Amino acid sequence: MSLVWEGRVYKLKDTAIVTGSNIRLLAAMRTWGMDGTFKVVPQWYQQLFTIHALYRAT
């Protein structure tokens, strides 16, 4: 895994961790799904935000 971005947005610290192969796969997809949650992360995190793409339909 690689840290691809770390910075601040609206005074909140943001970090993006991803593999190079997953970035290439996301770039090739036409549709992404995104979701954010506040309930399942440790208290010292504010939010978990995930990005998903359908790679192969079965």
N, C-alpha and C. Protein backbone atom coordinates (compact mmCIF):
# COMPACT_ATOMS: atom_id res chain seq x y z
N MET A 1 0.84 -1.18 0.00
CA MET A 1 0.00 0.00 0.00
C MET A 1 0.88 1.23 0.00
N SER A 2 0.33 2.29 -0.52
CA SER A 2 1.07 3.55 -0.60
C SER A 2 0.21 4.68 -0.08
N LEU A 3 0.85 5.61 0.57
CA LEU A 3 0.19 6.85 0.95
C LEU A 3 0.23 7.75 -0.27
N VAL A 4 -0.93 8.06 -0.85
CA VAL A 4 -0.94 8.86 -2.07
C VAL A 4 -1.31 10.30 -1.82
N TRP A 5 -1.88 10.59 -0.68
CA TRP A 5 -2.23 11.98 -0.38
C TRP A 5 -2.43 12.14 1.11
N GLU A 6 -1.92 13.23 1.64
CA GLU A 6 -2.16 13.59 3.02
C GLU A 6 -2.21 15.10 3.08
N GLY A 7 -3.27 15.63 3.62
CA GLY A 7 -3.42 17.08 3.67
C GLY A 7 -4.60 17.48 4.52
N ARG A 8 -5.00 18.70 4.36
CA ARG A 8 -6.12 19.23 5.14
C ARG A 8 -7.19 19.78 4.21
N VAL A 9 -8.42 19.46 4.54
CA VAL A 9 -9.59 19.99 3.84
C VAL A 9 -10.50 20.56 4.92
N TYR A 10 -10.82 21.81 4.83
CA TYR A 10 -11.65 22.47 5.84
C TYR A 10 -11.09 22.26 7.25
N LYS A 11 -9.78 22.38 7.39
CA LYS A 11 -9.07 22.26 8.67
C LYS A 11 -9.08 20.84 9.25
N LEU A 12 -9.57 19.86 8.50
CA LEU A 12 -9.56 18.47 8.95
C LEU A 12 -8.47 17.73 8.20
N LYS A 13 -7.76 16.86 8.90
CA LYS A 13 -6.70 16.09 8.27
C LYS A 13 -7.29 14.94 7.47
N ASP A 14 -6.85 14.79 6.23
CA ASP A 14 -7.30 13.71 5.36
C ASP A 14 -6.09 12.90 4.91
N THR A 15 -6.29 11.61 4.77
CA THR A 15 -5.24 10.71 4.30
C THR A 15 -5.85 9.73 3.31
N ALA A 16 -5.16 9.49 2.20
CA ALA A 16 -5.60 8.50 1.22
C ALA A 16 -4.53 7.42 1.10
N ILE A 17 -4.93 6.17 1.31
CA ILE A 17 -4.01 5.05 1.21
C ILE A 17 -4.57 4.07 0.19
N VAL A 18 -3.74 3.69 -0.79
CA VAL A 18 -4.22 2.85 -1.88
C VAL A 18 -3.03 2.18 -2.55
N THR A 19 -3.28 1.09 -3.26
CA THR A 19 -2.21 0.48 -4.05
C THR A 19 -2.20 1.08 -5.45
N GLY A 20 -1.05 1.04 -6.09
CA GLY A 20 -0.94 1.56 -7.45
C GLY A 20 -1.85 0.82 -8.42
N SER A 21 -1.97 -0.49 -8.26
CA SER A 21 -2.83 -1.26 -9.16
C SER A 21 -4.30 -0.88 -8.98
N ASN A 22 -4.71 -0.57 -7.75
CA ASN A 22 -6.11 -0.17 -7.53
C ASN A 22 -6.39 1.21 -8.12
N ILE A 23 -5.42 2.11 -8.08
CA ILE A 23 -5.61 3.43 -8.72
C ILE A 23 -5.82 3.25 -10.21
N ARG A 24 -5.02 2.38 -10.83
CA ARG A 24 -5.17 2.13 -12.28
C ARG A 24 -6.53 1.51 -12.59
N LEU A 25 -6.99 0.57 -11.75
CA LEU A 25 -8.31 -0.04 -11.96
C LEU A 25 -9.42 1.00 -11.83
N LEU A 26 -9.36 1.84 -10.80
CA LEU A 26 -10.37 2.88 -10.63
C LEU A 26 -10.38 3.84 -11.82
N ALA A 27 -9.21 4.19 -12.31
CA ALA A 27 -9.12 5.11 -13.44
C ALA A 27 -9.77 4.53 -14.69
N ALA A 28 -9.77 3.21 -14.81
CA ALA A 28 -10.35 2.56 -15.99
C ALA A 28 -11.86 2.35 -15.89
N MET A 29 -12.43 2.49 -14.72
CA MET A 29 -13.87 2.25 -14.53
C MET A 29 -14.70 3.48 -14.88
N ARG A 30 -15.86 3.25 -15.44
CA ARG A 30 -16.76 4.35 -15.81
C ARG A 30 -17.62 4.81 -14.64
N THR A 31 -17.90 3.91 -13.70
CA THR A 31 -18.78 4.25 -12.58
C THR A 31 -18.11 3.88 -11.26
N TRP A 32 -18.16 4.80 -10.33
CA TRP A 32 -17.66 4.56 -8.99
C TRP A 32 -18.81 4.66 -8.01
N GLY A 33 -18.73 3.90 -6.93
CA GLY A 33 -19.65 4.06 -5.80
C GLY A 33 -18.85 4.55 -4.61
N MET A 34 -19.41 5.48 -3.87
CA MET A 34 -18.70 6.04 -2.71
C MET A 34 -19.59 6.00 -1.49
N ASP A 35 -18.97 5.81 -0.33
CA ASP A 35 -19.73 5.72 0.91
C ASP A 35 -18.89 6.25 2.05
N GLY A 36 -19.54 6.91 2.96
CA GLY A 36 -18.88 7.40 4.17
C GLY A 36 -19.64 6.95 5.39
N THR A 37 -18.92 6.63 6.44
CA THR A 37 -19.56 6.21 7.68
C THR A 37 -18.84 6.83 8.87
N PHE A 38 -19.59 7.05 9.92
CA PHE A 38 -19.05 7.60 11.15
C PHE A 38 -19.09 6.58 12.29
N LYS A 39 -19.88 5.51 12.16
CA LYS A 39 -20.19 4.64 13.29
C LYS A 39 -19.19 3.53 13.55
N VAL A 40 -18.47 3.06 12.54
CA VAL A 40 -17.63 1.87 12.73
C VAL A 40 -16.15 2.19 12.86
N VAL A 41 -15.78 3.42 12.96
CA VAL A 41 -14.37 3.79 13.06
C VAL A 41 -14.00 4.10 14.51
N PRO A 42 -12.73 3.93 14.87
CA PRO A 42 -12.31 4.29 16.23
C PRO A 42 -12.61 5.76 16.52
N GLN A 43 -12.72 6.09 17.78
CA GLN A 43 -13.11 7.44 18.17
C GLN A 43 -12.14 8.50 17.65
N TRP A 44 -10.86 8.18 17.55
CA TRP A 44 -9.89 9.18 17.10
C TRP A 44 -9.98 9.43 15.60
N TYR A 45 -10.74 8.59 14.85
CA TYR A 45 -11.07 8.90 13.45
C TYR A 45 -12.39 9.65 13.43
N GLN A 46 -12.57 10.51 12.48
CA GLN A 46 -13.83 11.22 12.36
C GLN A 46 -14.77 10.51 11.38
N GLN A 47 -14.20 9.97 10.29
CA GLN A 47 -15.04 9.35 9.27
C GLN A 47 -14.19 8.42 8.42
N LEU A 48 -14.81 7.34 7.94
CA LEU A 48 -14.19 6.45 6.97
C LEU A 48 -14.94 6.64 5.66
N PHE A 49 -14.22 6.97 4.61
CA PHE A 49 -14.82 7.20 3.30
C PHE A 49 -14.18 6.21 2.33
N THR A 50 -15.00 5.43 1.64
CA THR A 50 -14.49 4.42 0.72
C THR A 50 -14.99 4.67 -0.70
N ILE A 51 -14.19 4.22 -1.66
CA ILE A 51 -14.55 4.33 -3.08
C ILE A 51 -14.53 2.91 -3.66
N HIS A 52 -15.58 2.55 -4.38
CA HIS A 52 -15.73 1.21 -4.94
C HIS A 52 -16.02 1.32 -6.43
N ALA A 53 -15.62 0.29 -7.18
CA ALA A 53 -15.96 0.20 -8.59
C ALA A 53 -16.20 -1.27 -8.92
N LEU A 54 -17.16 -1.55 -9.79
CA LEU A 54 -17.45 -2.91 -10.22
C LEU A 54 -16.43 -3.30 -11.28
N TYR A 55 -15.61 -4.29 -10.96
CA TYR A 55 -14.54 -4.70 -11.87
C TYR A 55 -14.99 -5.81 -12.81
N ARG A 56 -15.62 -6.84 -12.25
CA ARG A 56 -16.12 -7.95 -13.06
C ARG A 56 -17.49 -8.36 -12.55
N ALA A 57 -18.45 -8.39 -13.43
CA ALA A 57 -19.77 -8.89 -13.06
C ALA A 57 -19.75 -10.41 -13.16
N THR A 58 -20.40 -11.08 -12.21
CA THR A 58 -20.42 -12.55 -12.25
C THR A 58 -21.78 -13.04 -12.66
